[in-house]
Amino acid sequence: MLWILLLLLILVMFGFGFTMQTLWWVAAVLLVVWIVGFAMRGRSSGGRGGGGRRYGRSHG
């Protein structure tokens, strides 16, 4: 019984380590995507003033 618990503990620790490694890679990819998106948004909205309000106060 002790060996089974030890094996389960080892498997859980291995799974946790693998998951943390995977999450680090996912976080790195998302960070790169966010930086690229931020840079592209900064370039595309450079010539447009007013924040892109389409309708203004013409209602009412």
PDB file of N, CA and C in Angstrom:
ATOM      1  N   MET A   1       0.831  -1.210   0.000  1.00  0.00           N
ATOM      2  CA  MET A   1       0.000   0.000   0.000  1.00  0.00           C
ATOM      3  C   MET A   1       0.867   1.262   0.000  1.00  0.00           C
ATOM      4  N   LEU A   2       1.959   1.241   0.730  1.00  0.00           N
ATOM      5  CA  LEU A   2       2.854   2.393   0.797  1.00  0.00           C
ATOM      6  C   LEU A   2       3.491   2.665  -0.568  1.00  0.00           C
ATOM      7  N   TRP A   3       3.829   1.597  -1.297  1.00  0.00           N
ATOM      8  CA  TRP A   3       4.446   1.768  -2.608  1.00  0.00           C
ATOM      9  C   TRP A   3       3.478   2.416  -3.600  1.00  0.00           C
ATOM     10  N   ILE A   4       2.213   2.038  -3.496  1.00  0.00           N
ATOM     11  CA  ILE A   4       1.207   2.619  -4.387  1.00  0.00           C
ATOM     12  C   ILE A   4       1.033   4.108  -4.100  1.00  0.00           C
ATOM     13  N   LEU A   5       0.997   4.467  -2.821  1.00  0.00           N
ATOM     14  CA  LEU A   5       0.883   5.886  -2.462  1.00  0.00           C
ATOM     15  C   LEU A   5       2.105   6.667  -2.924  1.00  0.00           C
ATOM     16  N   LEU A   6       3.284   6.060  -2.780  1.00  0.00           N
ATOM     17  CA  LEU A   6       4.509   6.719  -3.223  1.00  0.00           C
ATOM     18  C   LEU A   6       4.500   6.897  -4.742  1.00  0.00           C
ATOM     19  N   LEU A   7       4.049   5.867  -5.469  1.00  0.00           N
ATOM     20  CA  LEU A   7       3.969   5.963  -6.919  1.00  0.00           C
ATOM     21  C   LEU A   7       2.961   7.039  -7.340  1.00  0.00           C
ATOM     22  N   LEU A   8       1.826   7.093  -6.673  1.00  0.00           N
ATOM     23  CA  LEU A   8       0.838   8.131  -6.976  1.00  0.00           C
ATOM     24  C   LEU A   8       1.390   9.525  -6.697  1.00  0.00           C
ATOM     25  N   LEU A   9       2.113   9.677  -5.603  1.00  0.00           N
ATOM     26  CA  LEU A   9       2.718  10.964  -5.276  1.00  0.00           C
ATOM     27  C   LEU A   9       3.722  11.379  -6.344  1.00  0.00           C
ATOM     28  N   ILE A  10       4.528  10.435  -6.808  1.00  0.00           N
ATOM     29  CA  ILE A  10       5.512  10.729  -7.854  1.00  0.00           C
ATOM     30  C   ILE A  10       4.807  11.129  -9.150  1.00  0.00           C
ATOM     31  N   LEU A  11       3.737  10.403  -9.496  1.00  0.00           N
ATOM     32  CA  LEU A  11       2.998  10.733 -10.711  1.00  0.00           C
ATOM     33  C   LEU A  11       2.351  12.111 -10.626  1.00  0.00           C
ATOM     34  N   VAL A  12       1.805  12.451  -9.465  1.00  0.00           N
ATOM     35  CA  VAL A  12       1.187  13.769  -9.290  1.00  0.00           C
ATOM     36  C   VAL A  12       2.250  14.860  -9.406  1.00  0.00           C
ATOM     37  N   MET A  13       3.398  14.661  -8.787  1.00  0.00           N
ATOM     38  CA  MET A  13       4.468  15.662  -8.864  1.00  0.00           C
ATOM     39  C   MET A  13       4.976  15.814 -10.292  1.00  0.00           C
ATOM     40  N   PHE A  14       5.107  14.690 -11.001  1.00  0.00           N
ATOM     41  CA  PHE A  14       5.545  14.758 -12.394  1.00  0.00           C
ATOM     42  C   PHE A  14       4.515  15.498 -13.240  1.00  0.00           C
ATOM     43  N   GLY A  15       3.248  15.189 -13.035  1.00  0.00           N
ATOM     44  CA  GLY A  15       2.188  15.869 -13.782  1.00  0.00           C
ATOM     45  C   GLY A  15       2.143  17.350 -13.478  1.00  0.00           C
ATOM     46  N   PHE A  16       2.345  17.714 -12.214  1.00  0.00           N
ATOM     47  CA  PHE A  16       2.345  19.126 -11.830  1.00  0.00           C
ATOM     48  C   PHE A  16       3.520  19.854 -12.476  1.00  0.00           C
ATOM     49  N   GLY A  17       4.680  19.234 -12.472  1.00  0.00           N
ATOM     50  CA  GLY A  17       5.858  19.835 -13.103  1.00  0.00           C
ATOM     51  C   GLY A  17       5.675  20.002 -14.601  1.00  0.00           C
ATOM     52  N   PHE A  18       5.107  18.981 -15.243  1.00  0.00           N
ATOM     53  CA  PHE A  18       4.864  19.055 -16.679  1.00  0.00           C
ATOM     54  C   PHE A  18       3.837  20.139 -16.999  1.00  0.00           C
ATOM     55  N   THR A  19       2.796  20.225 -16.178  1.00  0.00           N
ATOM     56  CA  THR A  19       1.767  21.239 -16.388  1.00  0.00           C
ATOM     57  C   THR A  19       2.343  22.638 -16.208  1.00  0.00           C
ATOM     58  N   MET A  20       3.166  22.821 -15.195  1.00  0.00           N
ATOM     59  CA  MET A  20       3.762  24.141 -14.972  1.00  0.00           C
ATOM     60  C   MET A  20       4.668  24.520 -16.140  1.00  0.00           C
ATOM     61  N   GLN A  21       5.433  23.558 -16.664  1.00  0.00           N
ATOM     62  CA  GLN A  21       6.294  23.832 -17.815  1.00  0.00           C
ATOM     63  C   GLN A  21       5.445  24.227 -19.025  1.00  0.00           C
ATOM     64  N   THR A  22       4.350  23.510 -19.233  1.00  0.00           N
ATOM     65  CA  THR A  22       3.463  23.820 -20.350  1.00  0.00           C
ATOM     66  C   THR A  22       2.840  25.200 -20.178  1.00  0.00           C
ATOM     67  N   LEU A  23       2.425  25.520 -18.955  1.00  0.00           N
ATOM     68  CA  LEU A  23       1.823  26.828 -18.716  1.00  0.00           C
ATOM     69  C   LEU A  23       2.825  27.958 -18.938  1.00  0.00           C
ATOM     70  N   TRP A  24       4.094  27.721 -18.623  1.00  0.00           N
ATOM     71  CA  TRP A  24       5.106  28.734 -18.895  1.00  0.00           C
ATOM     72  C   TRP A  24       5.219  28.993 -20.397  1.00  0.00           C
ATOM     73  N   TRP A  25       5.183  27.908 -21.204  1.00  0.00           N
ATOM     74  CA  TRP A  25       5.264  28.081 -22.657  1.00  0.00           C
ATOM     75  C   TRP A  25       4.030  28.805 -23.189  1.00  0.00           C
ATOM     76  N   VAL A  26       2.853  28.442 -22.683  1.00  0.00           N
ATOM     77  CA  VAL A  26       1.615  29.101 -23.107  1.00  0.00           C
ATOM     78  C   VAL A  26       1.660  30.580 -22.743  1.00  0.00           C
ATOM     79  N   ALA A  27       2.128  30.894 -21.542  1.00  0.00           N
ATOM     80  CA  ALA A  27       2.223  32.294 -21.113  1.00  0.00           C
ATOM     81  C   ALA A  27       3.204  33.065 -21.991  1.00  0.00           C
ATOM     82  N   ALA A  28       4.309  32.439 -22.368  1.00  0.00           N
ATOM     83  CA  ALA A  28       5.289  33.112 -23.227  1.00  0.00           C
ATOM     84  C   ALA A  28       4.695  33.397 -24.605  1.00  0.00           C
ATOM     85  N   VAL A  29       3.960  32.438 -25.163  1.00  0.00           N
ATOM     86  CA  VAL A  29       3.339  32.635 -26.473  1.00  0.00           C
ATOM     87  C   VAL A  29       2.292  33.738 -26.409  1.00  0.00           C
ATOM     88  N   LEU A  30       1.467  33.724 -25.358  1.00  0.00           N
ATOM     89  CA  LEU A  30       0.448  34.763 -25.217  1.00  0.00           C
ATOM     90  C   LEU A  30       1.073  36.141 -25.030  1.00  0.00           C
ATOM     91  N   LEU A  31       2.179  36.212 -24.330  1.00  0.00           N
ATOM     92  CA  LEU A  31       2.864  37.490 -24.156  1.00  0.00           C
ATOM     93  C   LEU A  31       3.358  38.024 -25.495  1.00  0.00           C
ATOM     94  N   VAL A  32       3.929  37.154 -26.326  1.00  0.00           N
ATOM     95  CA  VAL A  32       4.404  37.583 -27.637  1.00  0.00           C
ATOM     96  C   VAL A  32       3.231  38.047 -28.504  1.00  0.00           C
ATOM     97  N   VAL A  33       2.110  37.310 -28.473  1.00  0.00           N
ATOM     98  CA  VAL A  33       0.934  37.699 -29.247  1.00  0.00           C
ATOM     99  C   VAL A  33       0.407  39.051 -28.768  1.00  0.00           C
ATOM    100  N   TRP A  34       0.393  39.258 -27.450  1.00  0.00           N
ATOM    101  CA  TRP A  34      -0.094  40.520 -26.901  1.00  0.00           C
ATOM    102  C   TRP A  34       0.801  41.681 -27.333  1.00  0.00           C
ATOM    103  N   ILE A  35       2.114  41.479 -27.299  1.00  0.00           N
ATOM    104  CA  ILE A  35       3.051  42.546 -27.687  1.00  0.00           C
ATOM    105  C   ILE A  35       2.890  42.871 -29.169  1.00  0.00           C
ATOM    106  N   VAL A  36       2.759  41.837 -30.008  1.00  0.00           N
ATOM    107  CA  VAL A  36       2.579  42.073 -31.446  1.00  0.00           C
ATOM    108  C   VAL A  36       1.257  42.788 -31.699  1.00  0.00           C
ATOM    109  N   GLY A  37       0.196  42.377 -31.019  1.00  0.00           N
ATOM    110  CA  GLY A  37      -1.093  43.036 -31.177  1.00  0.00           C
ATOM    111  C   GLY A  37      -1.056  44.479 -30.712  1.00  0.00           C
ATOM    112  N   PHE A  38      -0.364  44.729 -29.622  1.00  0.00           N
ATOM    113  CA  PHE A  38      -0.230  46.090 -29.115  1.00  0.00           C
ATOM    114  C   PHE A  38       0.515  46.964 -30.111  1.00  0.00           C
ATOM    115  N   ALA A  39       1.593  46.425 -30.705  1.00  0.00           N
ATOM    116  CA  ALA A  39       2.376  47.182 -31.682  1.00  0.00           C
ATOM    117  C   ALA A  39       1.560  47.451 -32.941  1.00  0.00           C
ATOM    118  N   MET A  40       0.798  46.466 -33.399  1.00  0.00           N
ATOM    119  CA  MET A  40      -0.015  46.653 -34.598  1.00  0.00           C
ATOM    120  C   MET A  40      -1.135  47.650 -34.353  1.00  0.00           C
ATOM    121  N   ARG A  41      -1.763  47.592 -33.176  1.00  0.00           N
ATOM    122  CA  ARG A  41      -2.828  48.540 -32.865  1.00  0.00           C
ATOM    123  C   ARG A  41      -2.279  49.955 -32.777  1.00  0.00           C
ATOM    124  N   GLY A  42      -1.096  50.095 -32.229  1.00  0.00           N
ATOM    125  CA  GLY A  42      -0.476  51.413 -32.131  1.00  0.00           C
ATOM    126  C   GLY A  42      -0.185  52.003 -33.494  1.00  0.00           C
ATOM    127  N   ARG A  43       0.207  51.159 -34.444  1.00  0.00           N
ATOM    128  CA  ARG A  43       0.501  51.650 -35.786  1.00  0.00           C
ATOM    129  C   ARG A  43      -0.777  51.992 -36.541  1.00  0.00           C
ATOM    130  N   SER A  44      -1.790  51.148 -36.431  1.00  0.00           N
ATOM    131  CA  SER A  44      -2.989  51.347 -37.240  1.00  0.00           C
ATOM    132  C   SER A  44      -3.833  52.516 -36.750  1.00  0.00           C
ATOM    133  N   SER A  45      -3.804  52.836 -35.467  1.00  0.00           N
ATOM    134  CA  SER A  45      -4.633  53.922 -34.952  1.00  0.00           C
ATOM    135  C   SER A  45      -3.871  55.239 -34.865  1.00  0.00           C
ATOM    136  N   GLY A  46      -2.709  55.317 -35.477  1.00  0.00           N
ATOM    137  CA  GLY A  46      -1.917  56.533 -35.377  1.00  0.00           C
ATOM    138  C   GLY A  46      -2.529  57.711 -36.111  1.00  0.00           C
ATOM    139  N   GLY A  47      -3.130  57.488 -37.306  1.00  0.00           N
ATOM    140  CA  GLY A  47      -3.667  58.585 -38.085  1.00  0.00           C
ATOM    141  C   GLY A  47      -5.118  58.904 -37.781  1.00  0.00           C
ATOM    142  N   ARG A  48      -5.740  58.156 -36.907  1.00  0.00           N
ATOM    143  CA  ARG A  48      -7.168  58.330 -36.637  1.00  0.00           C
ATOM    144  C   ARG A  48      -7.335  59.023 -35.297  1.00  0.00           C
ATOM    145  N   GLY A  49      -7.945  60.181 -35.282  1.00  0.00           N
ATOM    146  CA  GLY A  49      -8.161  60.886 -34.031  1.00  0.00           C
ATOM    147  C   GLY A  49      -9.586  60.736 -33.551  1.00  0.00           C
ATOM    148  N   GLY A  50      -9.829  60.983 -32.292  1.00  0.00           N
ATOM    149  CA  GLY A  50     -11.178  60.957 -31.773  1.00  0.00           C
ATOM    150  C   GLY A  50     -11.621  59.619 -31.231  1.00  0.00           C
ATOM    151  N   GLY A  51     -10.768  58.629 -31.240  1.00  0.00           N
ATOM    152  CA  GLY A  51     -11.096  57.353 -30.635  1.00  0.00           C
ATOM    153  C   GLY A  51     -12.043  56.499 -31.448  1.00  0.00           C
ATOM    154  N   GLY A  52     -12.362  56.869 -32.669  1.00  0.00           N
ATOM    155  CA  GLY A  52     -13.188  56.045 -33.526  1.00  0.00           C
ATOM    156  C   GLY A  52     -14.669  56.076 -33.196  1.00  0.00           C
ATOM    157  N   ARG A  53     -15.191  57.169 -32.628  1.00  0.00           N
ATOM    158  CA  ARG A  53     -16.639  57.273 -32.364  1.00  0.00           C
ATOM    159  C   ARG A  53     -17.352  57.448 -33.686  1.00  0.00           C
ATOM    160  N   ARG A  54     -18.298  56.588 -33.935  1.00  0.00           N
ATOM    161  CA  ARG A  54     -18.951  56.584 -35.225  1.00  0.00           C
ATOM    162  C   ARG A  54     -20.164  57.500 -35.260  1.00  0.00           C
ATOM    163  N   TYR A  55     -20.949  57.518 -34.214  1.00  0.00           N
ATOM    164  CA  TYR A  55     -22.237  58.218 -34.275  1.00  0.00           C
ATOM    165  C   TYR A  55     -22.242  59.564 -33.548  1.00  0.00           C
ATOM    166  N   GLY A  56     -21.429  59.717 -32.550  1.00  0.00           N
ATOM    167  CA  GLY A  56     -21.384  60.989 -31.845  1.00  0.00           C
ATOM    168  C   GLY A  56     -22.650  61.268 -31.052  1.00  0.00           C
ATOM    169  N   ARG A  57     -23.104  62.558 -31.081  1.00  0.00           N
ATOM    170  CA  ARG A  57     -24.281  62.957 -30.305  1.00  0.00           C
ATOM    171  C   ARG A  57     -25.490  63.238 -31.189  1.00  0.00           C
ATOM    172  N   SER A  58     -25.553  62.661 -32.345  1.00  0.00           N
ATOM    173  CA  SER A  58     -26.643  62.978 -33.265  1.00  0.00           C
ATOM    174  C   SER A  58     -27.954  62.312 -32.887  1.00  0.00           C
ATOM    175  N   HIS A  59     -27.951  61.409 -31.912  1.00  0.00           N
ATOM    176  CA  HIS A  59     -29.200  60.768 -31.499  1.00  0.00           C
ATOM    177  C   HIS A  59     -29.975  61.690 -30.564  1.00  0.00           C
ATOM    178  N   GLY A  60     -31.294  61.761 -30.781  1.00  0.00           N
ATOM    179  CA  GLY A  60     -32.132  62.487 -29.844  1.00  0.00           C
ATOM    180  C   GLY A  60     -32.443  63.820 -30.328  1.00  0.00           C
TER     181      GLY A  60
END
